[in-house]
Amino acid sequence: MNIPIPAETPDPNIDKPTLPETEPQPIPEQEPPGTTPPPKEEPPSTMPPVIV
């Protein structure tokens, strides 16, 4: 029985392909320190008890 030989070997870097060299991504402008808004308070994960 002959073993079929694939016409093309699969790319070993199929999950992480090597990307061609491109221009570096511009660094996003960061807000200067002291201007960041205060963190929002997260709502409680449980519902408050309902008084009937």
PDB file of N, CA and C in Angstrom:
ATOM      1  N   MET A   1       0.854  -1.182   0.000  1.00  0.00           N
ATOM      2  CA  MET A   1       0.000   0.000   0.000  1.00  0.00           C
ATOM      3  C   MET A   1       0.895   1.240   0.000  1.00  0.00           C
ATOM      4  N   ASN A   2       0.595   2.141  -0.899  1.00  0.00           N
ATOM      5  CA  ASN A   2       1.402   3.355  -0.995  1.00  0.00           C
ATOM      6  C   ASN A   2       0.888   4.407  -0.014  1.00  0.00           C
ATOM      7  N   ILE A   3       1.823   5.079   0.613  1.00  0.00           N
ATOM      8  CA  ILE A   3       1.454   6.154   1.533  1.00  0.00           C
ATOM      9  C   ILE A   3       1.370   7.443   0.717  1.00  0.00           C
ATOM     10  N   PRO A   4       0.222   8.098   0.710  1.00  0.00           N
ATOM     11  CA  PRO A   4       0.128   9.345  -0.067  1.00  0.00           C
ATOM     12  C   PRO A   4       1.021  10.424   0.528  1.00  0.00           C
ATOM     13  N   ILE A   5       1.780  11.066  -0.320  1.00  0.00           N
ATOM     14  CA  ILE A   5       2.676  12.135   0.122  1.00  0.00           C
ATOM     15  C   ILE A   5       1.957  13.462  -0.125  1.00  0.00           C
ATOM     16  N   PRO A   6       1.831  14.290   0.907  1.00  0.00           N
ATOM     17  CA  PRO A   6       1.148  15.572   0.689  1.00  0.00           C
ATOM     18  C   PRO A   6       1.914  16.429  -0.310  1.00  0.00           C
ATOM     19  N   ALA A   7       1.179  17.156  -1.114  1.00  0.00           N
ATOM     20  CA  ALA A   7       1.813  17.989  -2.131  1.00  0.00           C
ATOM     21  C   ALA A   7       2.640  19.094  -1.485  1.00  0.00           C
ATOM     22  N   GLU A   8       2.215  19.547  -0.323  1.00  0.00           N
ATOM     23  CA  GLU A   8       2.928  20.637   0.340  1.00  0.00           C
ATOM     24  C   GLU A   8       2.945  20.332   1.827  1.00  0.00           C
ATOM     25  N   THR A   9       4.100  20.471   2.452  1.00  0.00           N
ATOM     26  CA  THR A   9       4.172  20.202   3.888  1.00  0.00           C
ATOM     27  C   THR A   9       3.500  21.355   4.626  1.00  0.00           C
ATOM     28  N   PRO A  10       2.759  21.050   5.671  1.00  0.00           N
ATOM     29  CA  PRO A  10       2.095  22.132   6.406  1.00  0.00           C
ATOM     30  C   PRO A  10       3.116  23.060   7.046  1.00  0.00           C
ATOM     31  N   ASP A  11       2.747  24.311   7.141  1.00  0.00           N
ATOM     32  CA  ASP A  11       3.647  25.304   7.715  1.00  0.00           C
ATOM     33  C   ASP A  11       3.753  25.068   9.221  1.00  0.00           C
ATOM     34  N   PRO A  12       4.951  24.859   9.740  1.00  0.00           N
ATOM     35  CA  PRO A  12       5.061  24.631  11.195  1.00  0.00           C
ATOM     36  C   PRO A  12       4.675  25.865  12.002  1.00  0.00           C
ATOM     37  N   ASN A  13       4.733  27.038  11.389  1.00  0.00           N
ATOM     38  CA  ASN A  13       4.380  28.271  12.098  1.00  0.00           C
ATOM     39  C   ASN A  13       2.972  28.716  11.732  1.00  0.00           C
ATOM     40  N   ILE A  14       2.064  27.753  11.571  1.00  0.00           N
ATOM     41  CA  ILE A  14       0.712  28.115  11.135  1.00  0.00           C
ATOM     42  C   ILE A  14      -0.001  28.934  12.204  1.00  0.00           C
ATOM     43  N   ASP A  15       0.288  28.653  13.495  1.00  0.00           N
ATOM     44  CA  ASP A  15      -0.362  29.407  14.560  1.00  0.00           C
ATOM     45  C   ASP A  15       0.291  30.766  14.766  1.00  0.00           C
ATOM     46  N   LYS A  16       1.618  30.824  14.572  1.00  0.00           N
ATOM     47  CA  LYS A  16       2.340  32.084  14.745  1.00  0.00           C
ATOM     48  C   LYS A  16       3.127  32.348  13.473  1.00  0.00           C
ATOM     49  N   PRO A  17       2.461  32.813  12.423  1.00  0.00           N
ATOM     50  CA  PRO A  17       3.189  33.033  11.177  1.00  0.00           C
ATOM     51  C   PRO A  17       4.199  34.159  11.336  1.00  0.00           C
ATOM     52  N   THR A  18       5.306  34.024  10.636  1.00  0.00           N
ATOM     53  CA  THR A  18       6.314  35.075  10.688  1.00  0.00           C
ATOM     54  C   THR A  18       5.844  36.204   9.790  1.00  0.00           C
ATOM     55  N   LEU A  19       5.604  37.346  10.391  1.00  0.00           N
ATOM     56  CA  LEU A  19       5.088  38.473   9.632  1.00  0.00           C
ATOM     57  C   LEU A  19       6.250  39.211   8.974  1.00  0.00           C
ATOM     58  N   PRO A  20       6.030  39.709   7.785  1.00  0.00           N
ATOM     59  CA  PRO A  20       7.096  40.485   7.148  1.00  0.00           C
ATOM     60  C   PRO A  20       7.350  41.772   7.916  1.00  0.00           C
ATOM     61  N   GLU A  21       8.569  42.269   7.806  1.00  0.00           N
ATOM     62  CA  GLU A  21       8.924  43.498   8.523  1.00  0.00           C
ATOM     63  C   GLU A  21       8.062  44.643   8.006  1.00  0.00           C
ATOM     64  N   THR A  22       7.391  45.311   8.927  1.00  0.00           N
ATOM     65  CA  THR A  22       6.560  46.452   8.554  1.00  0.00           C
ATOM     66  C   THR A  22       6.993  47.640   9.395  1.00  0.00           C
ATOM     67  N   GLU A  23       6.372  48.763   9.139  1.00  0.00           N
ATOM     68  CA  GLU A  23       6.713  49.943   9.927  1.00  0.00           C
ATOM     69  C   GLU A  23       6.311  49.702  11.375  1.00  0.00           C
ATOM     70  N   PRO A  24       7.110  50.173  12.321  1.00  0.00           N
ATOM     71  CA  PRO A  24       6.740  49.966  13.732  1.00  0.00           C
ATOM     72  C   PRO A  24       5.433  50.667  14.044  1.00  0.00           C
ATOM     73  N   GLN A  25       4.644  50.019  14.887  1.00  0.00           N
ATOM     74  CA  GLN A  25       3.355  50.598  15.251  1.00  0.00           C
ATOM     75  C   GLN A  25       3.590  51.887  16.039  1.00  0.00           C
ATOM     76  N   PRO A  26       2.825  52.939  15.763  1.00  0.00           N
ATOM     77  CA  PRO A  26       2.987  54.174  16.547  1.00  0.00           C
ATOM     78  C   PRO A  26       2.573  53.938  17.993  1.00  0.00           C
ATOM     79  N   ILE A  27       3.333  54.516  18.901  1.00  0.00           N
ATOM     80  CA  ILE A  27       3.023  54.354  20.323  1.00  0.00           C
ATOM     81  C   ILE A  27       1.826  55.247  20.642  1.00  0.00           C
ATOM     82  N   PRO A  28       0.754  54.688  21.201  1.00  0.00           N
ATOM     83  CA  PRO A  28      -0.407  55.536  21.521  1.00  0.00           C
ATOM     84  C   PRO A  28      -0.036  56.581  22.564  1.00  0.00           C
ATOM     85  N   GLU A  29      -0.594  57.760  22.388  1.00  0.00           N
ATOM     86  CA  GLU A  29      -0.272  58.825  23.334  1.00  0.00           C
ATOM     87  C   GLU A  29      -0.851  58.472  24.698  1.00  0.00           C
ATOM     88  N   GLN A  30       0.001  58.595  25.706  1.00  0.00           N
ATOM     89  CA  GLN A  30      -0.458  58.306  27.058  1.00  0.00           C
ATOM     90  C   GLN A  30      -0.783  59.619  27.749  1.00  0.00           C
ATOM     91  N   GLU A  31      -1.815  59.570  28.590  1.00  0.00           N
ATOM     92  CA  GLU A  31      -2.181  60.780  29.309  1.00  0.00           C
ATOM     93  C   GLU A  31      -1.090  61.096  30.329  1.00  0.00           C
ATOM     94  N   PRO A  32      -0.785  62.366  30.515  1.00  0.00           N
ATOM     95  CA  PRO A  32       0.231  62.705  31.517  1.00  0.00           C
ATOM     96  C   PRO A  32      -0.238  62.284  32.905  1.00  0.00           C
ATOM     97  N   PRO A  33       0.694  61.954  33.787  1.00  0.00           N
ATOM     98  CA  PRO A  33       0.289  61.504  35.136  1.00  0.00           C
ATOM     99  C   PRO A  33      -0.499  62.591  35.855  1.00  0.00           C
ATOM    100  N   GLY A  34      -1.500  62.161  36.598  1.00  0.00           N
ATOM    101  CA  GLY A  34      -2.319  63.106  37.358  1.00  0.00           C
ATOM    102  C   GLY A  34      -3.615  63.450  36.656  1.00  0.00           C
ATOM    103  N   THR A  35      -3.771  63.027  35.401  1.00  0.00           N
ATOM    104  CA  THR A  35      -5.005  63.349  34.682  1.00  0.00           C
ATOM    105  C   THR A  35      -5.865  62.112  34.486  1.00  0.00           C
ATOM    106  N   THR A  36      -5.422  60.976  35.032  1.00  0.00           N
ATOM    107  CA  THR A  36      -6.213  59.761  34.857  1.00  0.00           C
ATOM    108  C   THR A  36      -7.449  59.850  35.745  1.00  0.00           C
ATOM    109  N   PRO A  37      -8.610  59.480  35.224  1.00  0.00           N
ATOM    110  CA  PRO A  37      -9.827  59.546  36.043  1.00  0.00           C
ATOM    111  C   PRO A  37      -9.764  58.506  37.157  1.00  0.00           C
ATOM    112  N   PRO A  38     -10.438  58.757  38.268  1.00  0.00           N
ATOM    113  CA  PRO A  38     -10.425  57.763  39.354  1.00  0.00           C
ATOM    114  C   PRO A  38     -11.116  56.488  38.902  1.00  0.00           C
ATOM    115  N   PRO A  39     -10.672  55.349  39.405  1.00  0.00           N
ATOM    116  CA  PRO A  39     -11.300  54.085  38.990  1.00  0.00           C
ATOM    117  C   PRO A  39     -12.753  54.034  39.432  1.00  0.00           C
ATOM    118  N   LYS A  40     -13.589  53.477  38.558  1.00  0.00           N
ATOM    119  CA  LYS A  40     -15.012  53.380  38.881  1.00  0.00           C
ATOM    120  C   LYS A  40     -15.219  52.261  39.892  1.00  0.00           C
ATOM    121  N   GLU A  41     -16.129  52.495  40.836  1.00  0.00           N
ATOM    122  CA  GLU A  41     -16.434  51.457  41.815  1.00  0.00           C
ATOM    123  C   GLU A  41     -17.304  50.408  41.150  1.00  0.00           C
ATOM    124  N   GLU A  42     -16.917  49.155  41.333  1.00  0.00           N
ATOM    125  CA  GLU A  42     -17.698  48.083  40.729  1.00  0.00           C
ATOM    126  C   GLU A  42     -18.962  47.846  41.554  1.00  0.00           C
ATOM    127  N   PRO A  43     -20.087  47.596  40.893  1.00  0.00           N
ATOM    128  CA  PRO A  43     -21.310  47.303  41.646  1.00  0.00           C
ATOM    129  C   PRO A  43     -21.154  45.979  42.388  1.00  0.00           C
ATOM    130  N   PRO A  44     -21.878  45.806  43.479  1.00  0.00           N
ATOM    131  CA  PRO A  44     -21.760  44.536  44.218  1.00  0.00           C
ATOM    132  C   PRO A  44     -22.174  43.365  43.340  1.00  0.00           C
ATOM    133  N   SER A  45     -21.471  42.258  43.520  1.00  0.00           N
ATOM    134  CA  SER A  45     -21.743  41.101  42.671  1.00  0.00           C
ATOM    135  C   SER A  45     -23.051  40.416  43.061  1.00  0.00           C
ATOM    136  N   THR A  46     -23.499  40.611  44.310  1.00  0.00           N
ATOM    137  CA  THR A  46     -24.753  39.978  44.735  1.00  0.00           C
ATOM    138  C   THR A  46     -25.849  41.035  44.789  1.00  0.00           C
ATOM    139  N   MET A  47     -27.071  40.600  44.566  1.00  0.00           N
ATOM    140  CA  MET A  47     -28.192  41.539  44.622  1.00  0.00           C
ATOM    141  C   MET A  47     -28.455  41.899  46.084  1.00  0.00           C
ATOM    142  N   PRO A  48     -28.745  43.175  46.348  1.00  0.00           N
ATOM    143  CA  PRO A  48     -29.064  43.541  47.738  1.00  0.00           C
ATOM    144  C   PRO A  48     -30.382  42.897  48.151  1.00  0.00           C
ATOM    145  N   PRO A  49     -30.553  42.596  49.425  1.00  0.00           N
ATOM    146  CA  PRO A  49     -31.810  41.951  49.855  1.00  0.00           C
ATOM    147  C   PRO A  49     -32.984  42.897  49.647  1.00  0.00           C
ATOM    148  N   VAL A  50     -34.059  42.342  49.126  1.00  0.00           N
ATOM    149  CA  VAL A  50     -35.259  43.147  48.871  1.00  0.00           C
ATOM    150  C   VAL A  50     -36.186  42.995  50.061  1.00  0.00           C
ATOM    151  N   ILE A  51     -36.521  44.125  50.682  1.00  0.00           N
ATOM    152  CA  ILE A  51     -37.418  44.093  51.844  1.00  0.00           C
ATOM    153  C   ILE A  51     -38.840  44.275  51.336  1.00  0.00           C
ATOM    154  N   VAL A  52     -39.716  43.334  51.686  1.00  0.00           N
ATOM    155  CA  VAL A  52     -41.103  43.396  51.209  1.00  0.00           C
ATOM    156  C   VAL A  52     -41.981  43.890  52.326  1.00  0.00           C
TER     157      VAL A  52
END
